[in-house]
Amino acid sequence: MMDSAATGIGGRLMPRTSPLLTVLALCAASALAACGSSGDGGSRAGGDLAPATAATARAGCARTGGPVPASVPGAPLRTLLRVPPAARGHRAPLVVALHFATGDGAAMERQTRLTPEARRAGFVIAYPTATAGGFWEPSDLPKLARTIAAIERAACIDRSRVYALGWSNGGGMAALAACRIADTVAAVALFAPAVETSAGCRPSRPVSVLEVHGTADAIVPYAAGRSLIGGWAARDGCRATPVTHPAGAKAARLRWSGCRGGAAVEHLRLDGGRHVELFDDLRAAGVDPGAVTWRFLAAHRLT
């Protein structure tokens, strides 16, 4: 259950008692809970999703198999690493998926079902676990950076195409990564991010950001997400008013144009979308969150 602090963009922590931080509080009681459901992208090992090992790098990105390691060698964060066949034998993009509060990497994989999208699109996906009882804190950022470096040593990663995706508390951590390690992360996707928007975010370059939020989110209100992405548009020097396009019967995509450095800032609004059920609500509305995310992230790389 999410009852602790979310990561603030400026490095401050939201109070552990804040109602914004009781994200996934229904985990223990609801079949819809993100930390307990299963899905197509479960954390089972083997098959075409055998994880990368250090032998991959030593063999010059050759295909490799072997047993599933408990963690990425040398990584300070316990991490599930999925390398589909299409991501082997060459430098492949990496998506680092950051879980919701009180969750872990395995729960993030189950609930988001992003691993099938990695298989389809041919990118590596990693699911690290926070160290503070399942809550991402600003102090985890150096560990996250070292974990990404360890993944790059263990697998065959295109360092210009490393992306962060986060949900709720993990969304706050992904936003913090965009603020502080923009030389490592090419773009980020934030799903109902639990963040405190402050003035402390000064990325080294304009960062491309996708924010996804439901209008019926009772935990991190929709207005907070809308304010957050508007702030990113201003930070990236985009035009003040976004252009809105329909994205199905219940969804709309807002795009800000004219951003500095070729950055893209987008917001996906889901009418009636909730917090704990956000990924399920997107799918029910005919929006594939994995495909939408990858389409956005894949368009950006570090130069």
Protein backbone atom coordinates (compact mmCIF):
# COMPACT_ATOMS: atom_id res chain seq x y z
CA MET A 1 0.00 0.00 0.00
CA MET A 2 1.17 3.49 -0.78
CA ASP A 3 1.30 5.44 2.45
CA SER A 4 4.68 7.13 2.35
CA ALA A 5 6.52 9.93 0.64
CA ALA A 6 6.58 10.62 -3.05
CA THR A 7 9.62 12.02 -4.73
CA GLY A 8 9.58 15.80 -5.19
CA ILE A 9 11.06 17.26 -8.34
CA GLY A 10 13.18 19.71 -6.43
CA GLY A 11 14.50 17.07 -4.04
CA ARG A 12 11.97 17.71 -1.26
CA LEU A 13 9.77 14.93 -0.01
CA MET A 14 6.06 15.18 0.30
CA PRO A 15 4.94 14.38 3.87
CA ARG A 16 4.32 10.70 4.48
CA THR A 17 0.87 11.55 5.79
CA SER A 18 -0.19 13.47 2.67
CA PRO A 19 -3.37 12.13 1.04
CA LEU A 20 -1.51 12.31 -2.27
CA LEU A 21 0.74 9.57 -1.00
CA THR A 22 -1.83 7.00 -0.03
CA VAL A 23 -1.53 5.80 -3.62
CA LEU A 24 -2.63 2.22 -4.13
CA ALA A 25 -4.03 2.17 -0.61
CA LEU A 26 -6.56 -0.37 -1.80
CA CYS A 27 -3.80 -2.84 -2.75
CA ALA A 28 -4.54 -5.25 0.04
CA ALA A 29 -8.28 -5.21 -0.47
CA SER A 30 -8.91 -4.84 -4.19
CA ALA A 31 -8.44 -7.23 -7.06
CA LEU A 32 -7.55 -4.16 -9.12
CA ALA A 33 -4.56 -3.38 -6.92
CA ALA A 34 -1.36 -2.73 -8.80
CA CYS A 35 0.79 -4.64 -6.32
CA GLY A 36 -1.14 -7.87 -6.53
CA SER A 37 -2.54 -8.46 -10.00
CA SER A 38 -1.12 -10.67 -12.69
CA GLY A 39 -0.96 -10.11 -16.40
CA ASP A 40 0.61 -11.03 -19.71
CA GLY A 41 3.93 -9.48 -18.75
CA GLY A 42 4.51 -11.44 -15.54
CA SER A 43 7.92 -11.82 -13.96
CA ARG A 44 8.26 -15.47 -14.84
CA ALA A 45 11.64 -16.44 -16.24
CA GLY A 46 12.74 -18.23 -19.34
CA GLY A 47 11.43 -18.48 -22.88
CA ASP A 48 12.06 -15.60 -25.24
CA LEU A 49 12.52 -13.18 -22.34
CA ALA A 50 15.67 -14.69 -20.85
CA PRO A 51 17.50 -11.87 -19.06
CA ALA A 52 20.81 -10.45 -20.16
CA THR A 53 24.00 -11.52 -18.41
CA ALA A 54 27.47 -10.00 -18.25
CA ALA A 55 28.47 -12.42 -21.01
CA THR A 56 26.40 -10.33 -23.43
CA ALA A 57 28.77 -7.38 -23.24
CA ARG A 58 31.89 -9.58 -23.30
CA ALA A 59 30.58 -11.34 -26.42
CA GLY A 60 30.10 -8.05 -28.25
CA CYS A 61 26.31 -8.03 -27.98
CA ALA A 62 25.97 -11.64 -29.10
CA ARG A 63 22.80 -13.51 -28.24
CA THR A 64 22.93 -15.15 -24.85
CA GLY A 65 20.73 -17.14 -22.53
CA GLY A 66 21.31 -18.76 -19.19
CA PRO A 67 19.56 -18.72 -15.84
CA VAL A 68 17.68 -15.69 -14.62
CA PRO A 69 19.89 -13.74 -12.17
CA ALA A 70 18.43 -12.44 -8.93
CA SER A 71 19.77 -9.00 -9.83
CA VAL A 72 21.82 -7.21 -12.45
CA PRO A 73 25.50 -7.75 -11.61
CA GLY A 74 26.92 -4.69 -9.89
CA ALA A 75 23.57 -2.90 -9.62
CA PRO A 76 22.75 -1.34 -6.24
CA LEU A 77 19.01 -1.79 -6.92
CA ARG A 78 17.46 -5.25 -7.20
CA THR A 79 16.39 -5.33 -10.85
CA LEU A 80 14.46 -7.58 -13.20
CA LEU A 81 15.95 -7.31 -16.70
CA ARG A 82 14.06 -8.52 -19.77
CA VAL A 83 15.82 -8.84 -23.12
CA PRO A 84 13.55 -10.08 -25.92
CA PRO A 85 15.11 -11.78 -28.98
CA ALA A 86 14.64 -8.67 -31.12
CA ALA A 87 16.79 -6.69 -28.67
CA ARG A 88 19.76 -9.07 -28.82
CA GLY A 89 22.85 -8.97 -30.96
CA HIS A 90 22.86 -5.19 -31.40
CA ARG A 91 22.69 -1.99 -29.36
CA ALA A 92 19.07 -1.81 -28.22
CA PRO A 93 17.04 0.89 -26.43
CA LEU A 94 16.44 0.53 -22.68
CA VAL A 95 13.28 1.47 -20.77
CA VAL A 96 13.63 1.63 -16.97
CA ALA A 97 10.17 1.19 -15.39
CA LEU A 98 9.81 2.57 -11.85
CA HIS A 99 7.13 1.11 -9.64
CA PHE A 100 4.43 2.71 -7.49
CA ALA A 101 4.86 3.12 -3.72
CA THR A 102 5.07 -0.08 -1.66
CA GLY A 103 5.52 -2.02 -4.88
CA ASP A 104 8.53 -3.66 -6.44
CA GLY A 105 9.85 -4.43 -9.89
CA ALA A 106 7.90 -7.66 -10.22
CA ALA A 107 4.61 -5.95 -9.33
CA MET A 108 5.33 -3.17 -11.83
CA GLU A 109 5.90 -5.75 -14.54
CA ARG A 110 2.68 -7.60 -13.74
CA GLN A 111 0.42 -4.58 -13.53
CA THR A 112 1.71 -2.52 -16.44
CA ARG A 113 2.20 -5.44 -18.84
CA LEU A 114 5.01 -3.55 -20.53
CA THR A 115 7.12 -6.64 -21.19
CA PRO A 116 4.94 -7.79 -24.13
CA GLU A 117 5.45 -4.36 -25.70
CA ALA A 118 9.22 -4.76 -25.25
CA ARG A 119 8.95 -8.11 -27.05
CA ARG A 120 6.94 -6.59 -29.89
CA ALA A 121 9.02 -3.44 -30.34
CA GLY A 122 12.45 -4.86 -29.57
CA PHE A 123 13.64 -2.87 -26.56
CA VAL A 124 15.21 -3.97 -23.29
CA ILE A 125 13.12 -3.27 -20.19
CA ALA A 126 14.30 -3.15 -16.60
CA TYR A 127 12.20 -3.13 -13.43
CA PRO A 128 14.25 -1.95 -10.44
CA THR A 129 12.99 -1.99 -6.85
CA ALA A 130 13.35 0.95 -4.46
CA THR A 131 15.35 0.39 -1.30
CA ALA A 132 13.21 2.28 1.24
CA GLY A 133 10.45 -0.26 1.81
CA GLY A 134 9.12 0.11 -1.71
CA PHE A 135 9.15 3.92 -1.74
CA TRP A 136 11.29 5.94 -4.11
CA GLU A 137 13.22 8.72 -2.38
CA PRO A 138 15.60 11.36 -3.82
CA SER A 139 18.46 9.44 -2.22
CA ASP A 140 17.69 6.60 -4.61
CA LEU A 141 18.68 8.64 -7.65
CA PRO A 142 22.44 7.90 -7.50
CA LYS A 143 21.56 4.22 -7.05
CA LEU A 144 19.30 4.41 -10.08
CA ALA A 145 22.08 6.00 -12.15
CA ARG A 146 24.52 3.27 -11.07
CA THR A 147 21.91 0.62 -11.84
CA ILE A 148 21.49 1.97 -15.37
CA ALA A 149 25.28 1.86 -15.78
CA ALA A 150 25.30 -1.75 -14.56
CA ILE A 151 22.56 -2.67 -17.04
CA GLU A 152 24.61 -1.08 -19.81
CA ARG A 153 27.54 -3.32 -18.82
CA ALA A 154 25.37 -6.43 -18.56
CA ALA A 155 23.35 -6.04 -21.75
CA CYS A 156 23.78 -4.52 -25.18
CA ILE A 157 22.33 -1.03 -24.66
CA ASP A 158 22.26 1.99 -26.96
CA ARG A 159 23.29 4.67 -24.46
CA SER A 160 21.64 7.40 -26.51
CA ARG A 161 18.27 5.66 -26.08
CA VAL A 162 17.81 5.14 -22.34
CA TYR A 163 14.33 6.11 -21.10
CA ALA A 164 12.56 6.28 -17.74
CA LEU A 165 8.91 5.45 -17.14
CA GLY A 166 7.24 5.77 -13.76
CA TRP A 167 3.85 5.33 -12.17
CA SER A 168 2.72 7.39 -9.16
CA ASN A 169 5.64 7.49 -6.71
CA GLY A 170 7.76 5.99 -9.50
CA GLY A 171 6.54 8.79 -11.76
CA GLY A 172 7.97 11.24 -9.27
CA MET A 173 11.29 9.41 -9.44
CA ALA A 174 11.26 9.44 -13.25
CA ALA A 175 10.59 13.21 -13.15
CA LEU A 176 13.51 13.64 -10.77
CA ALA A 177 15.70 11.70 -13.21
CA ALA A 178 14.65 14.08 -15.99
CA CYS A 179 15.62 17.00 -13.78
CA ARG A 180 18.98 15.74 -12.56
CA ILE A 181 20.37 13.13 -14.96
CA ALA A 182 19.18 14.48 -18.30
CA ASP A 183 22.54 13.48 -19.77
CA THR A 184 21.60 9.84 -19.14
CA VAL A 185 17.84 9.73 -19.77
CA ALA A 186 16.70 10.70 -23.27
CA ALA A 187 12.97 11.08 -22.44
CA VAL A 188 10.49 10.15 -19.72
CA ALA A 189 6.89 8.95 -19.47
CA LEU A 190 5.00 9.76 -16.27
CA PHE A 191 1.78 7.96 -15.31
CA ALA A 192 -0.16 9.89 -12.64
CA PRO A 193 3.12 11.04 -11.08
CA ALA A 194 3.07 11.77 -7.36
CA VAL A 195 5.42 14.73 -7.30
CA GLU A 196 5.77 18.07 -5.63
CA THR A 197 6.34 20.67 -8.32
CA SER A 198 8.98 23.03 -7.04
CA ALA A 199 11.49 25.43 -8.52
CA GLY A 200 14.43 23.09 -8.02
CA CYS A 201 14.25 21.35 -11.39
CA ARG A 202 16.99 22.62 -13.70
CA PRO A 203 17.79 19.96 -16.30
CA SER A 204 20.95 20.34 -18.33
CA ARG A 205 18.93 20.35 -21.56
CA PRO A 206 15.28 20.42 -22.69
CA VAL A 207 13.77 17.02 -21.84
CA SER A 208 10.92 15.33 -23.71
CA VAL A 209 8.11 14.40 -21.30
CA LEU A 210 4.84 12.50 -21.69
CA GLU A 211 2.40 12.76 -18.78
CA VAL A 212 -0.65 10.46 -18.60
CA HIS A 213 -3.46 11.17 -16.14
CA GLY A 214 -7.08 10.31 -15.50
CA THR A 215 -9.67 12.95 -14.69
CA ALA A 216 -11.17 10.80 -11.91
CA ASP A 217 -7.89 10.28 -10.06
CA ALA A 218 -8.82 10.70 -6.39
CA ILE A 219 -5.26 10.25 -5.09
CA VAL A 220 -3.13 12.47 -7.32
CA PRO A 221 -5.77 14.85 -8.69
CA TYR A 222 -5.90 15.49 -12.41
CA ALA A 223 -5.22 19.18 -11.88
CA ALA A 224 -1.84 18.32 -10.34
CA GLY A 225 -0.80 16.37 -13.40
CA ARG A 226 -2.00 19.08 -15.73
CA SER A 227 -0.03 21.67 -13.77
CA LEU A 228 3.05 19.48 -13.83
CA ILE A 229 3.11 19.01 -17.59
CA GLY A 230 2.34 22.69 -18.14
CA GLY A 231 5.39 23.46 -16.05
CA TRP A 232 7.51 21.17 -18.20
CA ALA A 233 6.28 22.92 -21.33
CA ALA A 234 7.36 26.25 -19.87
CA ARG A 235 10.69 24.80 -18.75
CA ASP A 236 11.35 23.50 -22.27
CA GLY A 237 10.43 26.84 -23.82
CA CYS A 238 7.39 25.50 -25.68
CA ARG A 239 4.50 27.61 -26.90
CA ALA A 240 2.08 28.45 -24.11
CA THR A 241 -1.05 26.80 -25.55
CA PRO A 242 -1.14 23.12 -26.52
CA VAL A 243 -3.00 21.68 -29.48
CA THR A 244 -5.57 19.04 -28.51
CA HIS A 245 -6.27 15.96 -30.60
CA PRO A 246 -8.79 13.19 -29.84
CA ALA A 247 -7.25 9.83 -28.93
CA GLY A 248 -10.37 7.70 -28.88
CA ALA A 249 -13.81 8.17 -27.40
CA LYS A 250 -12.56 8.91 -23.87
CA ALA A 251 -9.02 10.21 -24.35
CA ALA A 252 -7.33 13.31 -25.72
CA ARG A 253 -3.70 14.11 -26.44
CA LEU A 254 -2.37 17.63 -25.79
CA ARG A 255 0.85 18.61 -27.59
CA TRP A 256 2.96 21.70 -26.98
CA SER A 257 4.94 22.85 -30.02
CA GLY A 258 8.01 25.00 -30.51
CA CYS A 259 10.00 23.45 -27.65
CA ARG A 260 13.72 24.17 -27.42
CA GLY A 261 16.20 21.61 -28.68
CA GLY A 262 13.57 19.58 -30.50
CA ALA A 263 12.00 18.43 -27.24
CA ALA A 264 8.42 17.16 -27.16
CA VAL A 265 5.96 17.76 -24.33
CA GLU A 266 2.69 15.85 -24.39
CA HIS A 267 -0.19 15.07 -22.07
CA LEU A 268 -2.64 12.19 -22.45
CA ARG A 269 -5.94 12.87 -20.66
CA LEU A 270 -8.25 9.96 -19.92
CA ASP A 271 -11.81 10.96 -19.06
CA GLY A 272 -12.88 8.99 -16.00
CA GLY A 273 -9.44 7.46 -15.57
CA ARG A 274 -8.57 6.53 -11.99
CA HIS A 275 -5.24 6.14 -10.17
CA VAL A 276 -4.81 2.55 -9.03
CA GLU A 277 -6.66 1.35 -12.11
CA LEU A 278 -5.03 3.75 -14.61
CA PHE A 279 -3.43 1.13 -16.87
CA ASP A 280 -6.59 -0.98 -16.85
CA ASP A 281 -8.76 2.07 -17.51
CA LEU A 282 -6.58 3.04 -20.48
CA ARG A 283 -6.94 -0.42 -21.99
CA ALA A 284 -10.70 -0.41 -21.40
CA ALA A 285 -10.87 2.88 -23.32
CA GLY A 286 -9.02 1.35 -26.26
CA VAL A 287 -5.68 2.98 -25.45
CA ASP A 288 -2.68 0.64 -25.24
CA PRO A 289 -0.41 2.27 -22.62
CA GLY A 290 2.65 0.31 -23.69
CA ALA A 291 2.29 1.20 -27.37
CA VAL A 292 1.50 4.85 -26.60
CA THR A 293 4.52 5.12 -24.32
CA TRP A 294 6.92 3.46 -26.73
CA ARG A 295 5.74 5.56 -29.67
CA PHE A 296 6.59 8.68 -27.66
CA LEU A 297 9.89 7.53 -26.19
CA ALA A 298 11.24 5.96 -29.38
CA ALA A 299 11.19 9.31 -31.16
CA HIS A 300 13.90 10.74 -28.89
CA ARG A 301 17.57 10.09 -28.35
CA LEU A 302 20.53 11.86 -26.80
CA THR A 303 22.83 13.63 -29.22
